[in-house]
Amino acid sequence: MAEQEEVMLTVKQIAKRMSVDEKTVRNWITKQDLKAFNVGGRRPEYRIKPSDFEEFLNLRRAGN
């Protein structure tokens, strides 16, 4: 049986869930606070695994 692919989140989706600007999410990615994959070309277009987003949230809740 094939492994089910994880649905990736966009910067826009993360920004909406966190009630922040998309630029803030990109800053978290740039600072490597939030893991993301660049699927774009010259202009970065990021995708985030839901599990990485959960990890990010847990670290923020813990105050790290």
C-alpha atoms as a PDB file:
ATOM      1  CA  MET A   1       0.000   0.000   0.000  1.00  0.00           C
ATOM      2  CA  ALA A   2       1.356   3.418  -0.967  1.00  0.00           C
ATOM      3  CA  GLU A   3       2.137   5.908   1.753  1.00  0.00           C
ATOM      4  CA  GLN A   4      -0.393   8.753   1.863  1.00  0.00           C
ATOM      5  CA  GLU A   5       1.087  12.151   1.047  1.00  0.00           C
ATOM      6  CA  GLU A   6       0.780  14.862   3.658  1.00  0.00           C
ATOM      7  CA  VAL A   7      -1.177  17.902   2.462  1.00  0.00           C
ATOM      8  CA  MET A   8       1.123  20.909   2.592  1.00  0.00           C
ATOM      9  CA  LEU A   9       0.106  24.316   3.937  1.00  0.00           C
ATOM     10  CA  THR A  10       0.820  27.630   2.239  1.00  0.00           C
ATOM     11  CA  VAL A  11       2.217  30.799   3.784  1.00  0.00           C
ATOM     12  CA  LYS A  12      -1.215  32.369   3.318  1.00  0.00           C
ATOM     13  CA  GLN A  13      -2.929  29.539   5.230  1.00  0.00           C
ATOM     14  CA  ILE A  14      -0.442  29.756   8.114  1.00  0.00           C
ATOM     15  CA  ALA A  15      -0.831  33.553   8.258  1.00  0.00           C
ATOM     16  CA  LYS A  16      -4.613  33.219   8.431  1.00  0.00           C
ATOM     17  CA  ARG A  17      -4.462  30.574  11.180  1.00  0.00           C
ATOM     18  CA  MET A  18      -2.032  32.671  13.225  1.00  0.00           C
ATOM     19  CA  SER A  19      -3.766  36.017  12.500  1.00  0.00           C
ATOM     20  CA  VAL A  20      -0.519  37.537  11.251  1.00  0.00           C
ATOM     21  CA  ASP A  21       0.720  39.019   7.995  1.00  0.00           C
ATOM     22  CA  GLU A  22       2.231  36.701   5.365  1.00  0.00           C
ATOM     23  CA  LYS A  23       5.491  38.641   5.737  1.00  0.00           C
ATOM     24  CA  THR A  24       5.659  37.529   9.385  1.00  0.00           C
ATOM     25  CA  VAL A  25       5.366  33.881   8.321  1.00  0.00           C
ATOM     26  CA  ARG A  26       8.119  34.364   5.728  1.00  0.00           C
ATOM     27  CA  ASN A  27      10.309  35.922   8.440  1.00  0.00           C
ATOM     28  CA  TRP A  28       9.787  32.837  10.646  1.00  0.00           C
ATOM     29  CA  ILE A  29      10.843  30.683   7.691  1.00  0.00           C
ATOM     30  CA  THR A  30      13.894  32.852   6.956  1.00  0.00           C
ATOM     31  CA  LYS A  31      14.955  32.680  10.622  1.00  0.00           C
ATOM     32  CA  GLN A  32      14.408  28.897  10.460  1.00  0.00           C
ATOM     33  CA  ASP A  33      11.859  29.044  13.270  1.00  0.00           C
ATOM     34  CA  LEU A  34       9.331  27.393  10.949  1.00  0.00           C
ATOM     35  CA  LYS A  35      10.435  24.586   8.620  1.00  0.00           C
ATOM     36  CA  ALA A  36       9.319  25.004   5.020  1.00  0.00           C
ATOM     37  CA  PHE A  37      10.055  23.774   1.511  1.00  0.00           C
ATOM     38  CA  ASN A  38      10.682  26.204  -1.333  1.00  0.00           C
ATOM     39  CA  VAL A  39       8.700  24.939  -4.322  1.00  0.00           C
ATOM     40  CA  GLY A  40       9.112  28.152  -6.317  1.00  0.00           C
ATOM     41  CA  GLY A  41      11.683  29.250  -8.820  1.00  0.00           C
ATOM     42  CA  ARG A  42      13.356  32.642  -8.706  1.00  0.00           C
ATOM     43  CA  ARG A  43      10.715  33.902  -6.320  1.00  0.00           C
ATOM     44  CA  PRO A  44      10.387  31.662  -3.261  1.00  0.00           C
ATOM     45  CA  GLU A  45       7.062  29.927  -2.811  1.00  0.00           C
ATOM     46  CA  TYR A  46       6.946  27.991   0.433  1.00  0.00           C
ATOM     47  CA  ARG A  47       4.998  24.948   1.578  1.00  0.00           C
ATOM     48  CA  ILE A  48       4.838  23.793   5.195  1.00  0.00           C
ATOM     49  CA  LYS A  49       4.070  20.303   6.477  1.00  0.00           C
ATOM     50  CA  PRO A  50       1.230  20.290   9.016  1.00  0.00           C
ATOM     51  CA  SER A  51       3.492  18.329  11.385  1.00  0.00           C
ATOM     52  CA  ASP A  52       6.164  21.055  11.141  1.00  0.00           C
ATOM     53  CA  PHE A  53       3.519  23.701  11.818  1.00  0.00           C
ATOM     54  CA  GLU A  54       2.372  21.770  14.911  1.00  0.00           C
ATOM     55  CA  GLU A  55       5.984  21.560  16.116  1.00  0.00           C
ATOM     56  CA  PHE A  56       6.351  25.316  15.606  1.00  0.00           C
ATOM     57  CA  LEU A  57       3.175  25.958  17.622  1.00  0.00           C
ATOM     58  CA  ASN A  58       4.310  23.667  20.440  1.00  0.00           C
ATOM     59  CA  LEU A  59       7.668  25.453  20.686  1.00  0.00           C
ATOM     60  CA  ARG A  60       5.927  28.841  20.794  1.00  0.00           C
ATOM     61  CA  ARG A  61       3.585  27.637  23.536  1.00  0.00           C
ATOM     62  CA  ALA A  62       6.565  26.372  25.529  1.00  0.00           C
ATOM     63  CA  GLY A  63       8.189  29.802  25.225  1.00  0.00           C
ATOM     64  CA  ASN A  64      11.208  28.676  23.188  1.00  0.00           C
END
